[in-house]
């Protein structure tokens, strides 16, 4: 009986860590989305070429779709691409 309780407690703890990790990833992706949106909106001021800004906007749209679908890893991958091409810190 004690072994079952320990296993159950361990499983619940592991699930909690997974949820915390997913929430943190979601927050990171959203924070990066905000940075890219700001850079695109102020692309002229930021010195971003219009063609680069358009590519960033397309990646931003795809990242938002993936975030809404719950695919945080893909969201982060896409938004990282947008940050890279726009030199967004």
C-alpha atoms as a PDB file:
ATOM      1  CA  UNK A   1       0.000   0.000   0.000  1.00  0.00           C
ATOM      2  CA  UNK A   2       2.811   2.398   0.863  1.00  0.00           C
ATOM      3  CA  UNK A   3       4.496   1.680  -2.480  1.00  0.00           C
ATOM      4  CA  UNK A   4       1.293   2.570  -4.334  1.00  0.00           C
ATOM      5  CA  UNK A   5       1.020   5.858  -2.441  1.00  0.00           C
ATOM      6  CA  UNK A   6       4.633   6.699  -3.196  1.00  0.00           C
ATOM      7  CA  UNK A   7       4.147   5.910  -6.880  1.00  0.00           C
ATOM      8  CA  UNK A   8       0.971   7.995  -7.017  1.00  0.00           C
ATOM      9  CA  UNK A   9       2.619  10.917  -5.213  1.00  0.00           C
ATOM     10  CA  UNK A  10       5.592  10.734  -7.591  1.00  0.00           C
ATOM     11  CA  UNK A  11       3.292  10.708 -10.603  1.00  0.00           C
ATOM     12  CA  UNK A  12       1.354  13.723  -9.350  1.00  0.00           C
ATOM     13  CA  UNK A  13       4.599  15.588  -8.655  1.00  0.00           C
ATOM     14  CA  UNK A  14       5.932  14.792 -12.138  1.00  0.00           C
ATOM     15  CA  UNK A  15       2.686  15.987 -13.733  1.00  0.00           C
ATOM     16  CA  UNK A  16       2.934  19.219 -11.768  1.00  0.00           C
ATOM     17  CA  UNK A  17       6.472  19.826 -13.033  1.00  0.00           C
ATOM     18  CA  UNK A  18       5.343  19.176 -16.608  1.00  0.00           C
ATOM     19  CA  UNK A  19       2.490  21.677 -16.299  1.00  0.00           C
ATOM     20  CA  UNK A  20       4.822  24.252 -14.790  1.00  0.00           C
ATOM     21  CA  UNK A  21       7.242  23.743 -17.675  1.00  0.00           C
ATOM     22  CA  UNK A  22       4.497  24.130 -20.273  1.00  0.00           C
ATOM     23  CA  UNK A  23       3.254  27.316 -18.607  1.00  0.00           C
ATOM     24  CA  UNK A  24       6.779  28.731 -18.583  1.00  0.00           C
ATOM     25  CA  UNK A  25       7.217  27.872 -22.279  1.00  0.00           C
ATOM     26  CA  UNK A  26       3.921  29.559 -23.045  1.00  0.00           C
ATOM     27  CA  UNK A  27       4.995  32.670 -21.193  1.00  0.00           C
ATOM     28  CA  UNK A  28       8.348  32.702 -23.014  1.00  0.00           C
ATOM     29  CA  UNK A  29       6.701  32.345 -26.415  1.00  0.00           C
ATOM     30  CA  UNK A  30       4.193  35.080 -25.611  1.00  0.00           C
ATOM     31  CA  UNK A  31       6.937  37.402 -24.378  1.00  0.00           C
ATOM     32  CA  UNK A  32       8.912  36.801 -27.566  1.00  0.00           C
ATOM     33  CA  UNK A  33       5.775  37.326 -29.669  1.00  0.00           C
ATOM     34  CA  UNK A  34       5.340  40.696 -27.971  1.00  0.00           C
ATOM     35  CA  UNK A  35       8.960  41.627 -28.771  1.00  0.00           C
ATOM     36  CA  UNK A  36       8.590  40.677 -32.438  1.00  0.00           C
ATOM     37  CA  UNK A  37       5.245  42.466 -32.753  1.00  0.00           C
ATOM     38  CA  UNK A  38       6.820  45.615 -31.341  1.00  0.00           C
ATOM     39  CA  UNK A  39       9.766  45.346 -33.728  1.00  0.00           C
ATOM     40  CA  UNK A  40       7.467  44.834 -36.737  1.00  0.00           C
ATOM     41  CA  UNK A  41       5.196  47.737 -35.781  1.00  0.00           C
ATOM     42  CA  UNK A  42       8.216  49.991 -35.350  1.00  0.00           C
ATOM     43  CA  UNK A  43      10.304  48.421 -38.121  1.00  0.00           C
ATOM     44  CA  UNK A  44      11.359  51.747 -39.627  1.00  0.00           C
ATOM     45  CA  UNK A  45      12.515  53.064 -36.261  1.00  0.00           C
ATOM     46  CA  UNK A  46      14.233  49.730 -35.535  1.00  0.00           C
ATOM     47  CA  UNK A  47      16.040  49.842 -38.890  1.00  0.00           C
ATOM     48  CA  UNK A  48      14.370  46.681 -40.198  1.00  0.00           C
ATOM     49  CA  UNK A  49      14.022  46.464 -43.976  1.00  0.00           C
ATOM     50  CA  UNK A  50      10.420  46.254 -45.192  1.00  0.00           C
ATOM     51  CA  UNK A  51      10.931  42.839 -46.817  1.00  0.00           C
ATOM     52  CA  UNK A  52      12.435  41.492 -43.587  1.00  0.00           C
ATOM     53  CA  UNK A  53       9.521  42.985 -41.621  1.00  0.00           C
ATOM     54  CA  UNK A  54       7.064  41.196 -43.927  1.00  0.00           C
ATOM     55  CA  UNK A  55       8.853  37.866 -43.373  1.00  0.00           C
ATOM     56  CA  UNK A  56       8.790  38.510 -39.643  1.00  0.00           C
ATOM     57  CA  UNK A  57       5.065  39.283 -39.803  1.00  0.00           C
ATOM     58  CA  UNK A  58       4.402  35.976 -41.608  1.00  0.00           C
ATOM     59  CA  UNK A  59       6.410  34.031 -39.014  1.00  0.00           C
ATOM     60  CA  UNK A  60       4.596  35.923 -36.268  1.00  0.00           C
ATOM     61  CA  UNK A  61       1.206  34.897 -37.654  1.00  0.00           C
ATOM     62  CA  UNK A  62       2.290  31.249 -37.841  1.00  0.00           C
ATOM     63  CA  UNK A  63       3.701  31.383 -34.307  1.00  0.00           C
ATOM     64  CA  UNK A  64       0.417  32.768 -32.992  1.00  0.00           C
ATOM     65  CA  UNK A  65      -1.517  29.974 -34.742  1.00  0.00           C
ATOM     66  CA  UNK A  66       0.746  27.355 -33.179  1.00  0.00           C
ATOM     67  CA  UNK A  67       0.436  28.941 -29.733  1.00  0.00           C
ATOM     68  CA  UNK A  68      -3.355  28.946 -29.966  1.00  0.00           C
ATOM     69  CA  UNK A  69      -3.216  25.288 -31.049  1.00  0.00           C
ATOM     70  CA  UNK A  70      -1.166  24.506 -27.949  1.00  0.00           C
ATOM     71  CA  UNK A  71       2.062  23.720 -29.801  1.00  0.00           C
ATOM     72  CA  UNK A  72       4.448  25.815 -27.737  1.00  0.00           C
ATOM     73  CA  UNK A  73       7.614  24.219 -29.134  1.00  0.00           C
ATOM     74  CA  UNK A  74       6.635  25.090 -32.714  1.00  0.00           C
ATOM     75  CA  UNK A  75       5.547  28.562 -31.584  1.00  0.00           C
ATOM     76  CA  UNK A  76       8.938  29.158 -30.020  1.00  0.00           C
ATOM     77  CA  UNK A  77      10.753  27.781 -33.072  1.00  0.00           C
ATOM     78  CA  UNK A  78       8.899  30.146 -35.416  1.00  0.00           C
ATOM     79  CA  UNK A  79       9.233  33.178 -33.184  1.00  0.00           C
ATOM     80  CA  UNK A  80      12.949  32.487 -32.744  1.00  0.00           C
ATOM     81  CA  UNK A  81      13.311  32.579 -36.534  1.00  0.00           C
ATOM     82  CA  UNK A  82      11.531  35.942 -36.629  1.00  0.00           C
ATOM     83  CA  UNK A  83      13.731  37.280 -33.833  1.00  0.00           C
ATOM     84  CA  UNK A  84      16.852  36.114 -35.656  1.00  0.00           C
ATOM     85  CA  UNK A  85      16.074  37.643 -39.043  1.00  0.00           C
ATOM     86  CA  UNK A  86      15.000  40.925 -37.434  1.00  0.00           C
ATOM     87  CA  UNK A  87      17.868  40.956 -34.934  1.00  0.00           C
ATOM     88  CA  UNK A  88      15.381  41.272 -32.068  1.00  0.00           C
ATOM     89  CA  UNK A  89      16.950  40.767 -28.645  1.00  0.00           C
END
